Amino acid sequence: MDTLLDICRTMELTGGVFLEAEFTAPWCVTSQVAPEDCSPFMPPPVQLIAYHYVTAGRLVLQTDGHAPVLVQAGEIILMPRNDGHVLGSAANLRPVNAHFLIQPAGAGGMARIVYGGGGERTQILCGYLGTNTPNTAICGILPRMLKIGVEEGASDSWIESSFRFAAHQLAEGRIESPAVLAKLAELLFVEAVRRYVRSLPPEANGWLAGLRDPAVGRALALLHSRMTHRWTTEELAQEIGLSRSAFAERFTSLIGEPPMRYLANWRMQVAAQRLKGSHESIARIAFEIGYESEAAFNRAFRRAFDMPPMAWRKLQSGVNAVS
């Protein structure tokens, strides 16, 4: 069971490639995905993940309080919390707001930026991933940026190769819609998180480190693959091969909450996804995520979202209808 992929799938990531930019040195811009950037593809989501794919040249990216990061052709930089950032041909240049430079999209095309002093050329595709799933565990604990290579030639990931190929087709006008790139970006996000997890030092704590821990990772896989089971901490510990106290302490230390609280929160995320994306009855959803009665599910959902599930579903339907 791939716990990370399961959780990312429940986030229901979607998005688009909304901008292509050509810069010539010297240049420097501030950047952050805005709600209006999402409008051609989806209603403004609750949470945004921004990304830039450098197709030619190089750039320097910087966020507040962090050293500049060099991003070269064939690399993608992901911003898991859509933090504002500065892009430029070099550090310490005075930036302008990129939104003031955007040329509106023509028929069937993307918005564009052409800007700079006429020197070394850099080309970028800018996109975003969005989710309306509340309380996502991943984005809040990732670093402010993740960099992943889309190497030419001998890539160890078909996702990266496909993204590079699709981006080249898009640049040459061979793809009518950037939807393919958006889906590949979702898979690249999962790949970037995988690589980040592998890079964590052995002594690291936290939810992502928990995925790598043999006992806690196995427990997370069991909770996700058998969500409807009436788990207890003791039974889960027996499955893992640890005592109840040792397992509970290890899980809580790495994940930040006890096993049963984690399971309750995860069930609420799945319930929210199904309430928004289906016409299933609330009783059916309650049963299929592990609640013995609709009343118990209603109480749990109200604690998590400050409203009963039916009201939450109507609210989500209203948001989608308006947009």
C-alpha atoms as a PDB file:
ATOM      1  CA  MET A   1       0.000   0.000   0.000  1.00  0.00           C
ATOM      2  CA  ASP A   2       1.438   3.371  -1.037  1.00  0.00           C
ATOM      3  CA  THR A   3       0.337   5.605   1.831  1.00  0.00           C
ATOM      4  CA  LEU A   4       1.772   8.761   0.313  1.00  0.00           C
ATOM      5  CA  LEU A   5       0.014   8.224  -3.019  1.00  0.00           C
ATOM      6  CA  ASP A   6      -3.234   7.421  -1.195  1.00  0.00           C
ATOM      7  CA  ILE A   7      -3.108  10.679   0.749  1.00  0.00           C
ATOM      8  CA  CYS A   8      -2.219  12.741  -2.318  1.00  0.00           C
ATOM      9  CA  ARG A   9      -5.092  11.124  -4.220  1.00  0.00           C
ATOM     10  CA  THR A  10      -7.524  12.149  -1.493  1.00  0.00           C
ATOM     11  CA  MET A  11      -6.306  15.753  -1.804  1.00  0.00           C
ATOM     12  CA  GLU A  12      -7.977  15.717  -5.268  1.00  0.00           C
ATOM     13  CA  LEU A  13      -5.269  17.858  -6.797  1.00  0.00           C
ATOM     14  CA  THR A  14      -6.142  19.602 -10.031  1.00  0.00           C
ATOM     15  CA  GLY A  15      -4.815  22.646 -11.792  1.00  0.00           C
ATOM     16  CA  GLY A  16      -3.333  24.058 -14.929  1.00  0.00           C
ATOM     17  CA  VAL A  17      -0.485  25.762 -16.717  1.00  0.00           C
ATOM     18  CA  PHE A  18      -1.592  29.379 -16.950  1.00  0.00           C
ATOM     19  CA  LEU A  19       1.462  31.340 -18.093  1.00  0.00           C
ATOM     20  CA  GLU A  20       4.502  31.095 -20.326  1.00  0.00           C
ATOM     21  CA  ALA A  21       7.243  33.668 -19.830  1.00  0.00           C
ATOM     22  CA  GLU A  22      10.350  34.716 -21.702  1.00  0.00           C
ATOM     23  CA  PHE A  23      12.847  36.830 -19.774  1.00  0.00           C
ATOM     24  CA  THR A  24      16.130  38.344 -20.903  1.00  0.00           C
ATOM     25  CA  ALA A  25      18.822  39.462 -18.469  1.00  0.00           C
ATOM     26  CA  PRO A  26      18.811  41.543 -16.429  1.00  0.00           C
ATOM     27  CA  TRP A  27      15.335  40.850 -15.062  1.00  0.00           C
ATOM     28  CA  CYS A  28      13.640  40.313 -11.694  1.00  0.00           C
ATOM     29  CA  VAL A  29       9.962  39.832 -10.780  1.00  0.00           C
ATOM     30  CA  THR A  30       7.851  39.039  -7.730  1.00  0.00           C
ATOM     31  CA  SER A  31       5.528  36.080  -8.195  1.00  0.00           C
ATOM     32  CA  GLN A  32       2.604  34.394  -6.438  1.00  0.00           C
ATOM     33  CA  VAL A  33      -0.356  32.543  -7.925  1.00  0.00           C
ATOM     34  CA  ALA A  34      -3.503  34.643  -7.600  1.00  0.00           C
ATOM     35  CA  PRO A  35      -7.120  33.410  -7.537  1.00  0.00           C
ATOM     36  CA  GLU A  36      -7.772  34.835 -11.004  1.00  0.00           C
ATOM     37  CA  ASP A  37      -5.011  32.620 -12.410  1.00  0.00           C
ATOM     38  CA  CYS A  38      -7.158  29.600 -11.515  1.00  0.00           C
ATOM     39  CA  SER A  39     -10.387  30.796 -13.139  1.00  0.00           C
ATOM     40  CA  PRO A  40      -9.839  29.216 -16.579  1.00  0.00           C
ATOM     41  CA  PHE A  41      -9.418  25.795 -14.955  1.00  0.00           C
ATOM     42  CA  MET A  42     -11.353  25.622 -11.664  1.00  0.00           C
ATOM     43  CA  PRO A  43     -12.940  27.713  -8.912  1.00  0.00           C
ATOM     44  CA  PRO A  44     -10.340  29.285  -6.601  1.00  0.00           C
ATOM     45  CA  PRO A  45      -9.203  26.382  -4.407  1.00  0.00           C
ATOM     46  CA  VAL A  46      -8.746  26.361  -0.653  1.00  0.00           C
ATOM     47  CA  GLN A  47      -5.048  25.613  -0.992  1.00  0.00           C
ATOM     48  CA  LEU A  48      -2.614  26.289  -3.823  1.00  0.00           C
ATOM     49  CA  ILE A  49       0.690  24.725  -4.807  1.00  0.00           C
ATOM     50  CA  ALA A  50       2.591  26.866  -7.315  1.00  0.00           C
ATOM     51  CA  TYR A  51       5.296  25.641  -9.648  1.00  0.00           C
ATOM     52  CA  HIS A  52       7.677  26.932 -12.305  1.00  0.00           C
ATOM     53  CA  TYR A  53       9.281  24.762 -14.973  1.00  0.00           C
ATOM     54  CA  VAL A  54      12.401  26.285 -16.538  1.00  0.00           C
ATOM     55  CA  THR A  55      12.465  25.126 -20.165  1.00  0.00           C
ATOM     56  CA  ALA A  56      15.493  27.205 -21.225  1.00  0.00           C
ATOM     57  CA  GLY A  57      18.175  29.229 -19.471  1.00  0.00           C
ATOM     58  CA  ARG A  58      18.410  29.657 -15.714  1.00  0.00           C
ATOM     59  CA  LEU A  59      17.050  31.761 -12.885  1.00  0.00           C
ATOM     60  CA  VAL A  60      17.533  32.512  -9.204  1.00  0.00           C
ATOM     61  CA  LEU A  61      14.538  32.052  -6.885  1.00  0.00           C
ATOM     62  CA  GLN A  62      14.315  33.479  -3.368  1.00  0.00           C
ATOM     63  CA  THR A  63      11.726  33.561  -0.586  1.00  0.00           C
ATOM     64  CA  ASP A  64      11.860  35.751   2.514  1.00  0.00           C
ATOM     65  CA  GLY A  65      14.524  34.664   4.971  1.00  0.00           C
ATOM     66  CA  HIS A  66      16.058  32.023   2.720  1.00  0.00           C
ATOM     67  CA  ALA A  67      19.148  31.986   0.540  1.00  0.00           C
ATOM     68  CA  PRO A  68      18.665  32.209  -3.246  1.00  0.00           C
ATOM     69  CA  VAL A  69      18.229  28.907  -5.097  1.00  0.00           C
ATOM     70  CA  LEU A  70      19.558  28.387  -8.622  1.00  0.00           C
ATOM     71  CA  VAL A  71      17.029  26.730 -10.969  1.00  0.00           C
ATOM     72  CA  GLN A  72      18.295  25.633 -14.368  1.00  0.00           C
ATOM     73  CA  ALA A  73      16.738  24.384 -17.586  1.00  0.00           C
ATOM     74  CA  GLY A  74      15.057  21.025 -17.003  1.00  0.00           C
ATOM     75  CA  GLU A  75      14.226  21.720 -13.353  1.00  0.00           C
ATOM     76  CA  ILE A  76      10.902  22.393 -11.648  1.00  0.00           C
ATOM     77  CA  ILE A  77      10.530  24.368  -8.443  1.00  0.00           C
ATOM     78  CA  LEU A  78       7.365  23.686  -6.405  1.00  0.00           C
ATOM     79  CA  MET A  79       5.989  26.017  -3.736  1.00  0.00           C
ATOM     80  CA  PRO A  80       3.796  23.759  -1.527  1.00  0.00           C
ATOM     81  CA  ARG A  81       2.132  26.701   0.263  1.00  0.00           C
ATOM     82  CA  ASN A  82       2.185  29.194  -2.637  1.00  0.00           C
ATOM     83  CA  ASP A  83       4.521  31.528  -0.747  1.00  0.00           C
ATOM     84  CA  GLY A  84       5.350  34.782  -2.470  1.00  0.00           C
ATOM     85  CA  HIS A  85       8.796  34.666  -4.059  1.00  0.00           C
ATOM     86  CA  VAL A  86      11.217  36.552  -6.278  1.00  0.00           C
ATOM     87  CA  LEU A  87      12.532  35.247  -9.609  1.00  0.00           C
ATOM     88  CA  GLY A  88      15.394  36.873 -11.452  1.00  0.00           C
ATOM     89  CA  SER A  89      18.498  36.565 -13.565  1.00  0.00           C
ATOM     90  CA  ALA A  90      20.554  37.342 -10.451  1.00  0.00           C
ATOM     91  CA  ALA A  91      20.035  38.023  -6.767  1.00  0.00           C
ATOM     92  CA  ASN A  92      19.725  41.555  -5.355  1.00  0.00           C
ATOM     93  CA  LEU A  93      18.019  43.078  -8.408  1.00  0.00           C
ATOM     94  CA  ARG A  94      15.016  45.346  -7.900  1.00  0.00           C
ATOM     95  CA  PRO A  95      11.872  43.306  -8.724  1.00  0.00           C
ATOM     96  CA  VAL A  96       8.693  44.349 -10.483  1.00  0.00           C
ATOM     97  CA  ASN A  97       5.332  42.678  -9.960  1.00  0.00           C
ATOM     98  CA  ALA A  98       4.927  39.932 -12.565  1.00  0.00           C
ATOM     99  CA  HIS A  99       1.142  40.409 -12.707  1.00  0.00           C
ATOM    100  CA  PHE A 100       1.619  43.874 -14.236  1.00  0.00           C
ATOM    101  CA  LEU A 101       3.609  42.307 -17.096  1.00  0.00           C
ATOM    102  CA  ILE A 102       1.110  39.609 -18.121  1.00  0.00           C
ATOM    103  CA  GLN A 103      -0.280  39.791 -21.643  1.00  0.00           C
ATOM    104  CA  PRO A 104      -3.777  38.222 -21.763  1.00  0.00           C
ATOM    105  CA  ALA A 105      -4.190  34.862 -23.477  1.00  0.00           C
ATOM    106  CA  GLY A 106      -5.299  34.812 -27.073  1.00  0.00           C
ATOM    107  CA  ALA A 107      -7.739  32.323 -28.529  1.00  0.00           C
ATOM    108  CA  GLY A 108      -6.623  28.837 -27.531  1.00  0.00           C
ATOM    109  CA  GLY A 109      -3.380  30.086 -26.025  1.00  0.00           C
ATOM    110  CA  MET A 110      -1.868  30.962 -22.684  1.00  0.00           C
ATOM    111  CA  ALA A 111      -1.111  34.284 -21.060  1.00  0.00           C
ATOM    112  CA  ARG A 112       2.445  35.473 -21.720  1.00  0.00           C
ATOM    113  CA  ILE A 113       5.199  37.627 -20.287  1.00  0.00           C
ATOM    114  CA  VAL A 114       8.016  38.983 -22.432  1.00  0.00           C
ATOM    115  CA  TYR A 115      10.318  41.143 -20.336  1.00  0.00           C
ATOM    116  CA  GLY A 116      13.933  42.012 -19.668  1.00  0.00           C
ATOM    117  CA  GLY A 117      17.058  43.815 -20.744  1.00  0.00           C
ATOM    118  CA  GLY A 118      17.932  41.841 -23.867  1.00  0.00           C
ATOM    119  CA  GLY A 119      20.660  39.596 -22.462  1.00  0.00           C
ATOM    120  CA  GLU A 120      20.708  35.896 -21.606  1.00  0.00           C
ATOM    121  CA  ARG A 121      17.300  34.310 -22.299  1.00  0.00           C
ATOM    122  CA  THR A 122      15.235  32.291 -19.788  1.00  0.00           C
ATOM    123  CA  GLN A 123      11.919  30.593 -20.604  1.00  0.00           C
ATOM    124  CA  ILE A 124       9.452  29.394 -17.951  1.00  0.00           C
ATOM    125  CA  LEU A 125       6.107  27.610 -17.801  1.00  0.00           C
ATOM    126  CA  CYS A 126       4.147  28.608 -14.689  1.00  0.00           C
ATOM    127  CA  GLY A 127       1.339  26.529 -13.230  1.00  0.00           C
ATOM    128  CA  TYR A 128      -0.440  25.546 -10.075  1.00  0.00           C
ATOM    129  CA  LEU A 129      -2.102  22.626  -8.339  1.00  0.00           C
ATOM    130  CA  GLY A 130      -5.110  23.234  -6.133  1.00  0.00           C
ATOM    131  CA  THR A 131      -7.122  21.310  -3.585  1.00  0.00           C
ATOM    132  CA  ASN A 132     -10.346  21.997  -1.711  1.00  0.00           C
ATOM    133  CA  THR A 133      -9.763  19.178   0.756  1.00  0.00           C
ATOM    134  CA  PRO A 134      -9.408  20.715   4.229  1.00  0.00           C
ATOM    135  CA  ASN A 135      -6.765  19.807   6.804  1.00  0.00           C
ATOM    136  CA  THR A 136      -4.296  18.297   4.320  1.00  0.00           C
ATOM    137  CA  ALA A 137      -1.376  16.841   6.211  1.00  0.00           C
ATOM    138  CA  ILE A 138       1.322  17.181   3.591  1.00  0.00           C
ATOM    139  CA  CYS A 139       1.591  20.800   2.484  1.00  0.00           C
ATOM    140  CA  GLY A 140       1.771  22.301   5.953  1.00  0.00           C
ATOM    141  CA  ILE A 141       4.909  20.373   6.892  1.00  0.00           C
ATOM    142  CA  LEU A 142       6.855  20.494   3.633  1.00  0.00           C
ATOM    143  CA  PRO A 143       9.632  23.064   3.140  1.00  0.00           C
ATOM    144  CA  ARG A 144       8.706  26.299   1.399  1.00  0.00           C
ATOM    145  CA  MET A 145      10.118  25.026  -1.879  1.00  0.00           C
ATOM    146  CA  LEU A 146      10.967  21.683  -3.463  1.00  0.00           C
ATOM    147  CA  LYS A 147      13.192  21.327  -6.525  1.00  0.00           C
ATOM    148  CA  ILE A 148      13.020  18.355  -8.846  1.00  0.00           C
ATOM    149  CA  GLY A 149      15.028  17.712 -11.997  1.00  0.00           C
ATOM    150  CA  VAL A 150      13.429  16.840 -15.306  1.00  0.00           C
ATOM    151  CA  GLU A 151      16.701  15.596 -16.738  1.00  0.00           C
ATOM    152  CA  GLU A 152      17.284  15.289 -20.460  1.00  0.00           C
ATOM    153  CA  GLY A 153      17.777  11.721 -21.627  1.00  0.00           C
ATOM    154  CA  ALA A 154      18.395   9.086 -18.970  1.00  0.00           C
ATOM    155  CA  SER A 155      15.677   9.986 -16.492  1.00  0.00           C
ATOM    156  CA  ASP A 156      14.836   7.576 -13.708  1.00  0.00           C
ATOM    157  CA  SER A 157      11.149   8.580 -13.836  1.00  0.00           C
ATOM    158  CA  TRP A 158       8.715   8.250 -16.728  1.00  0.00           C
ATOM    159  CA  ILE A 159       6.731  11.076 -15.147  1.00  0.00           C
ATOM    160  CA  GLU A 160       9.636  13.462 -15.573  1.00  0.00           C
ATOM    161  CA  SER A 161      10.241  12.321 -19.137  1.00  0.00           C
ATOM    162  CA  SER A 162       6.559  12.730 -19.973  1.00  0.00           C
ATOM    163  CA  PHE A 163       6.440  16.204 -18.425  1.00  0.00           C
ATOM    164  CA  ARG A 164       9.445  17.302 -20.450  1.00  0.00           C
ATOM    165  CA  PHE A 165       7.936  15.873 -23.638  1.00  0.00           C
ATOM    166  CA  ALA A 166       4.515  17.468 -23.022  1.00  0.00           C
ATOM    167  CA  ALA A 167       6.101  20.825 -22.195  1.00  0.00           C
ATOM    168  CA  HIS A 168       8.055  20.781 -25.440  1.00  0.00           C
ATOM    169  CA  GLN A 169       4.888  19.960 -27.380  1.00  0.00           C
ATOM    170  CA  LEU A 170       3.036  22.778 -25.635  1.00  0.00           C
ATOM    171  CA  ALA A 171       5.831  25.227 -26.464  1.00  0.00           C
ATOM    172  CA  GLU A 172       5.600  24.169 -30.126  1.00  0.00           C
ATOM    173  CA  GLY A 173       1.812  24.507 -30.205  1.00  0.00           C
ATOM    174  CA  ARG A 174       1.114  20.779 -30.488  1.00  0.00           C
ATOM    175  CA  ILE A 175      -1.055  20.458 -27.374  1.00  0.00           C
ATOM    176  CA  GLU A 176      -4.428  22.164 -27.516  1.00  0.00           C
ATOM    177  CA  SER A 177      -4.849  22.226 -23.746  1.00  0.00           C
ATOM    178  CA  PRO A 178      -2.344  22.297 -20.855  1.00  0.00           C
ATOM    179  CA  ALA A 179      -4.466  19.729 -18.973  1.00  0.00           C
ATOM    180  CA  VAL A 180      -1.908  16.996 -19.671  1.00  0.00           C
ATOM    181  CA  LEU A 181       0.815  19.058 -18.027  1.00  0.00           C
ATOM    182  CA  ALA A 182      -1.448  19.752 -15.055  1.00  0.00           C
ATOM    183  CA  LYS A 183      -1.984  16.026 -14.456  1.00  0.00           C
ATOM    184  CA  LEU A 184       1.702  15.303 -14.842  1.00  0.00           C
ATOM    185  CA  ALA A 185       2.471  18.102 -12.393  1.00  0.00           C
ATOM    186  CA  GLU A 186       0.264  16.318  -9.845  1.00  0.00           C
ATOM    187  CA  LEU A 187       2.351  13.170 -10.263  1.00  0.00           C
ATOM    188  CA  LEU A 188       5.544  15.201 -10.092  1.00  0.00           C
ATOM    189  CA  PHE A 189       4.381  16.653  -6.776  1.00  0.00           C
ATOM    190  CA  VAL A 190       4.106  13.137  -5.377  1.00  0.00           C
ATOM    191  CA  GLU A 191       7.552  12.320  -6.758  1.00  0.00           C
ATOM    192  CA  ALA A 192       9.027  15.477  -5.214  1.00  0.00           C
ATOM    193  CA  VAL A 193       7.567  14.556  -1.821  1.00  0.00           C
ATOM    194  CA  ARG A 194       8.977  11.034  -2.145  1.00  0.00           C
ATOM    195  CA  ARG A 195      12.426  12.408  -2.808  1.00  0.00           C
ATOM    196  CA  TYR A 196      12.151  14.821   0.083  1.00  0.00           C
ATOM    197  CA  VAL A 197      11.174  11.979   2.428  1.00  0.00           C
ATOM    198  CA  ARG A 198      14.186   9.955   1.272  1.00  0.00           C
ATOM    199  CA  SER A 199      16.460  12.927   1.897  1.00  0.00           C
ATOM    200  CA  LEU A 200      15.425  13.396   5.532  1.00  0.00           C
ATOM    201  CA  PRO A 201      18.159  12.593   8.060  1.00  0.00           C
ATOM    202  CA  PRO A 202      17.706   9.371  10.071  1.00  0.00           C
ATOM    203  CA  GLU A 203      16.945  11.289  13.266  1.00  0.00           C
ATOM    204  CA  ALA A 204      14.193  13.433  11.689  1.00  0.00           C
ATOM    205  CA  ASN A 205      10.731  13.511  13.263  1.00  0.00           C
ATOM    206  CA  GLY A 206       7.378  14.492  11.803  1.00  0.00           C
ATOM    207  CA  TRP A 207       4.587  13.080   9.656  1.00  0.00           C
ATOM    208  CA  LEU A 208       6.763  12.627   6.591  1.00  0.00           C
ATOM    209  CA  ALA A 209       9.489  10.927   8.617  1.00  0.00           C
ATOM    210  CA  GLY A 210       6.772   8.641   9.971  1.00  0.00           C
ATOM    211  CA  LEU A 211       6.160   7.317   6.454  1.00  0.00           C
ATOM    212  CA  ARG A 212       9.769   6.136   6.395  1.00  0.00           C
ATOM    213  CA  ASP A 213       9.761   4.556   9.853  1.00  0.00           C
ATOM    214  CA  PRO A 214       9.136   0.763   9.484  1.00  0.00           C
ATOM    215  CA  ALA A 215       6.631   0.504  12.339  1.00  0.00           C
ATOM    216  CA  VAL A 216       4.819   3.811  11.900  1.00  0.00           C
ATOM    217  CA  GLY A 217       4.853   3.541   8.108  1.00  0.00           C
ATOM    218  CA  ARG A 218       3.282   0.081   8.358  1.00  0.00           C
ATOM    219  CA  ALA A 219       0.656   1.438  10.757  1.00  0.00           C
ATOM    220  CA  LEU A 220      -0.194   4.294   8.391  1.00  0.00           C
ATOM    221  CA  ALA A 221      -0.540   1.813   5.526  1.00  0.00           C
ATOM    222  CA  LEU A 222      -2.911  -0.341   7.603  1.00  0.00           C
ATOM    223  CA  LEU A 223      -5.017   2.638   8.666  1.00  0.00           C
ATOM    224  CA  HIS A 224      -5.341   3.856   5.092  1.00  0.00           C
ATOM    225  CA  SER A 225      -5.981   0.476   3.467  1.00  0.00           C
ATOM    226  CA  ARG A 226      -8.470  -0.699   6.141  1.00  0.00           C
ATOM    227  CA  MET A 227     -10.036   2.573   7.184  1.00  0.00           C
ATOM    228  CA  THR A 228     -13.441   1.057   8.016  1.00  0.00           C
ATOM    229  CA  HIS A 229     -11.995  -1.477  10.438  1.00  0.00           C
ATOM    230  CA  ARG A 230     -12.802  -0.802  14.113  1.00  0.00           C
ATOM    231  CA  TRP A 231      -9.178  -0.241  15.025  1.00  0.00           C
ATOM    232  CA  THR A 232      -7.893   0.110  18.543  1.00  0.00           C
ATOM    233  CA  THR A 233      -4.378   1.192  19.433  1.00  0.00           C
ATOM    234  CA  GLU A 234      -3.785  -2.221  21.006  1.00  0.00           C
ATOM    235  CA  GLU A 235      -4.843  -4.153  17.893  1.00  0.00           C
ATOM    236  CA  LEU A 236      -2.763  -1.914  15.648  1.00  0.00           C
ATOM    237  CA  ALA A 237       0.254  -2.425  17.899  1.00  0.00           C
ATOM    238  CA  GLN A 238      -0.219  -6.211  17.674  1.00  0.00           C
ATOM    239  CA  GLU A 239      -0.251  -5.994  13.877  1.00  0.00           C
ATOM    240  CA  ILE A 240       3.004  -4.029  13.979  1.00  0.00           C
ATOM    241  CA  GLY A 241       4.629  -6.312  16.528  1.00  0.00           C
ATOM    242  CA  LEU A 242       5.115  -3.769  19.317  1.00  0.00           C
ATOM    243  CA  SER A 243       3.609  -3.353  22.748  1.00  0.00           C
ATOM    244  CA  ARG A 244       0.703  -0.941  22.987  1.00  0.00           C
ATOM    245  CA  SER A 245       2.660   1.642  24.959  1.00  0.00           C
ATOM    246  CA  ALA A 246       5.776   1.450  22.783  1.00  0.00           C
ATOM    247  CA  PHE A 247       3.755   1.742  19.587  1.00  0.00           C
ATOM    248  CA  ALA A 248       1.566   4.609  20.831  1.00  0.00           C
ATOM    249  CA  GLU A 249       4.612   6.543  22.009  1.00  0.00           C
ATOM    250  CA  ARG A 250       6.476   5.987  18.746  1.00  0.00           C
ATOM    251  CA  PHE A 251       3.485   6.913  16.563  1.00  0.00           C
ATOM    252  CA  THR A 252       2.647  10.032  18.570  1.00  0.00           C
ATOM    253  CA  SER A 253       6.266  11.153  18.680  1.00  0.00           C
ATOM    254  CA  LEU A 254       6.638  10.979  14.887  1.00  0.00           C
ATOM    255  CA  ILE A 255       3.154  11.915  13.679  1.00  0.00           C
ATOM    256  CA  GLY A 256       2.288  14.467  16.344  1.00  0.00           C
ATOM    257  CA  GLU A 257      -1.025  12.914  17.411  1.00  0.00           C
ATOM    258  CA  PRO A 258      -2.144   9.497  18.734  1.00  0.00           C
ATOM    259  CA  PRO A 259      -3.110   6.764  16.247  1.00  0.00           C
ATOM    260  CA  MET A 260      -6.858   6.900  16.829  1.00  0.00           C
ATOM    261  CA  ARG A 261      -6.974  10.688  16.526  1.00  0.00           C
ATOM    262  CA  TYR A 262      -5.032  10.446  13.276  1.00  0.00           C
ATOM    263  CA  LEU A 263      -7.533   7.864  11.991  1.00  0.00           C
ATOM    264  CA  ALA A 264     -10.496  10.068  12.964  1.00  0.00           C
ATOM    265  CA  ASN A 265      -9.019  13.058  11.135  1.00  0.00           C
ATOM    266  CA  TRP A 266      -8.243  10.953   8.075  1.00  0.00           C
ATOM    267  CA  ARG A 267     -11.810   9.628   7.967  1.00  0.00           C
ATOM    268  CA  MET A 268     -13.076  13.218   8.023  1.00  0.00           C
ATOM    269  CA  GLN A 269     -10.901  14.115   5.029  1.00  0.00           C
ATOM    270  CA  VAL A 270     -12.254  11.150   3.070  1.00  0.00           C
ATOM    271  CA  ALA A 271     -15.810  11.994   4.113  1.00  0.00           C
ATOM    272  CA  ALA A 272     -15.399  15.593   2.957  1.00  0.00           C
ATOM    273  CA  GLN A 273     -14.126  14.401  -0.420  1.00  0.00           C
ATOM    274  CA  ARG A 274     -17.087  12.071  -0.917  1.00  0.00           C
ATOM    275  CA  LEU A 275     -19.667  14.586   0.273  1.00  0.00           C
ATOM    276  CA  LYS A 276     -18.383  17.103  -2.254  1.00  0.00           C
ATOM    277  CA  GLY A 277     -17.795  14.734  -5.148  1.00  0.00           C
ATOM    278  CA  SER A 278     -20.768  12.359  -5.035  1.00  0.00           C
ATOM    279  CA  HIS A 279     -24.510  12.124  -4.383  1.00  0.00           C
ATOM    280  CA  GLU A 280     -24.156   9.254  -1.933  1.00  0.00           C
ATOM    281  CA  SER A 281     -26.324   9.390   1.150  1.00  0.00           C
ATOM    282  CA  ILE A 282     -24.733  10.584   4.363  1.00  0.00           C
ATOM    283  CA  ALA A 283     -25.631   7.274   6.012  1.00  0.00           C
ATOM    284  CA  ARG A 284     -23.761   5.338   3.324  1.00  0.00           C
ATOM    285  CA  ILE A 285     -20.693   7.561   3.573  1.00  0.00           C
ATOM    286  CA  ALA A 286     -20.735   7.238   7.356  1.00  0.00           C
ATOM    287  CA  PHE A 287     -20.844   3.445   7.175  1.00  0.00           C
ATOM    288  CA  GLU A 288     -18.175   3.171   4.489  1.00  0.00           C
ATOM    289  CA  ILE A 289     -15.627   5.246   6.386  1.00  0.00           C
ATOM    290  CA  GLY A 290     -16.090   3.242   9.562  1.00  0.00           C
ATOM    291  CA  TYR A 291     -18.921   4.782  11.624  1.00  0.00           C
ATOM    292  CA  GLU A 292     -21.571   2.520  13.114  1.00  0.00           C
ATOM    293  CA  SER A 293     -24.317   5.129  12.888  1.00  0.00           C
ATOM    294  CA  GLU A 294     -25.142   8.283  10.982  1.00  0.00           C
ATOM    295  CA  ALA A 295     -25.611  10.129  14.274  1.00  0.00           C
ATOM    296  CA  ALA A 296     -22.062   9.315  15.419  1.00  0.00           C
ATOM    297  CA  PHE A 297     -20.714  10.462  12.064  1.00  0.00           C
ATOM    298  CA  ASN A 298     -22.710  13.699  12.217  1.00  0.00           C
ATOM    299  CA  ARG A 299     -21.257  14.517  15.636  1.00  0.00           C
ATOM    300  CA  ALA A 300     -17.711  13.799  14.494  1.00  0.00           C
ATOM    301  CA  PHE A 301     -18.108  15.823  11.306  1.00  0.00           C
ATOM    302  CA  ARG A 302     -19.532  18.795  13.196  1.00  0.00           C
ATOM    303  CA  ARG A 303     -16.528  18.753  15.548  1.00  0.00           C
ATOM    304  CA  ALA A 304     -14.161  18.790  12.567  1.00  0.00           C
ATOM    305  CA  PHE A 305     -15.911  21.339  10.317  1.00  0.00           C
ATOM    306  CA  ASP A 306     -18.149  23.351  12.661  1.00  0.00           C
ATOM    307  CA  MET A 307     -21.264  22.328  10.721  1.00  0.00           C
ATOM    308  CA  PRO A 308     -23.175  19.107   9.999  1.00  0.00           C
ATOM    309  CA  PRO A 309     -22.306  17.164   6.845  1.00  0.00           C
ATOM    310  CA  MET A 310     -25.505  18.068   4.963  1.00  0.00           C
ATOM    311  CA  ALA A 311     -24.895  21.787   5.486  1.00  0.00           C
ATOM    312  CA  TRP A 312     -21.255  21.398   4.416  1.00  0.00           C
ATOM    313  CA  ARG A 313     -22.314  19.553   1.245  1.00  0.00           C
ATOM    314  CA  LYS A 314     -24.826  22.284   0.348  1.00  0.00           C
ATOM    315  CA  LEU A 315     -22.195  24.945   0.948  1.00  0.00           C
ATOM    316  CA  GLN A 316     -19.747  23.206  -1.394  1.00  0.00           C
ATOM    317  CA  SER A 317     -22.453  22.765  -4.041  1.00  0.00           C
ATOM    318  CA  GLY A 318     -23.251  26.478  -3.809  1.00  0.00           C
ATOM    319  CA  VAL A 319     -19.611  27.463  -4.259  1.00  0.00           C
ATOM    320  CA  ASN A 320     -19.264  25.267  -7.340  1.00  0.00           C
ATOM    321  CA  ALA A 321     -22.533  26.495  -8.831  1.00  0.00           C
ATOM    322  CA  VAL A 322     -21.583  30.171  -8.451  1.00  0.00           C
ATOM    323  CA  SER A 323     -18.175  29.647  -9.996  1.00  0.00           C
END
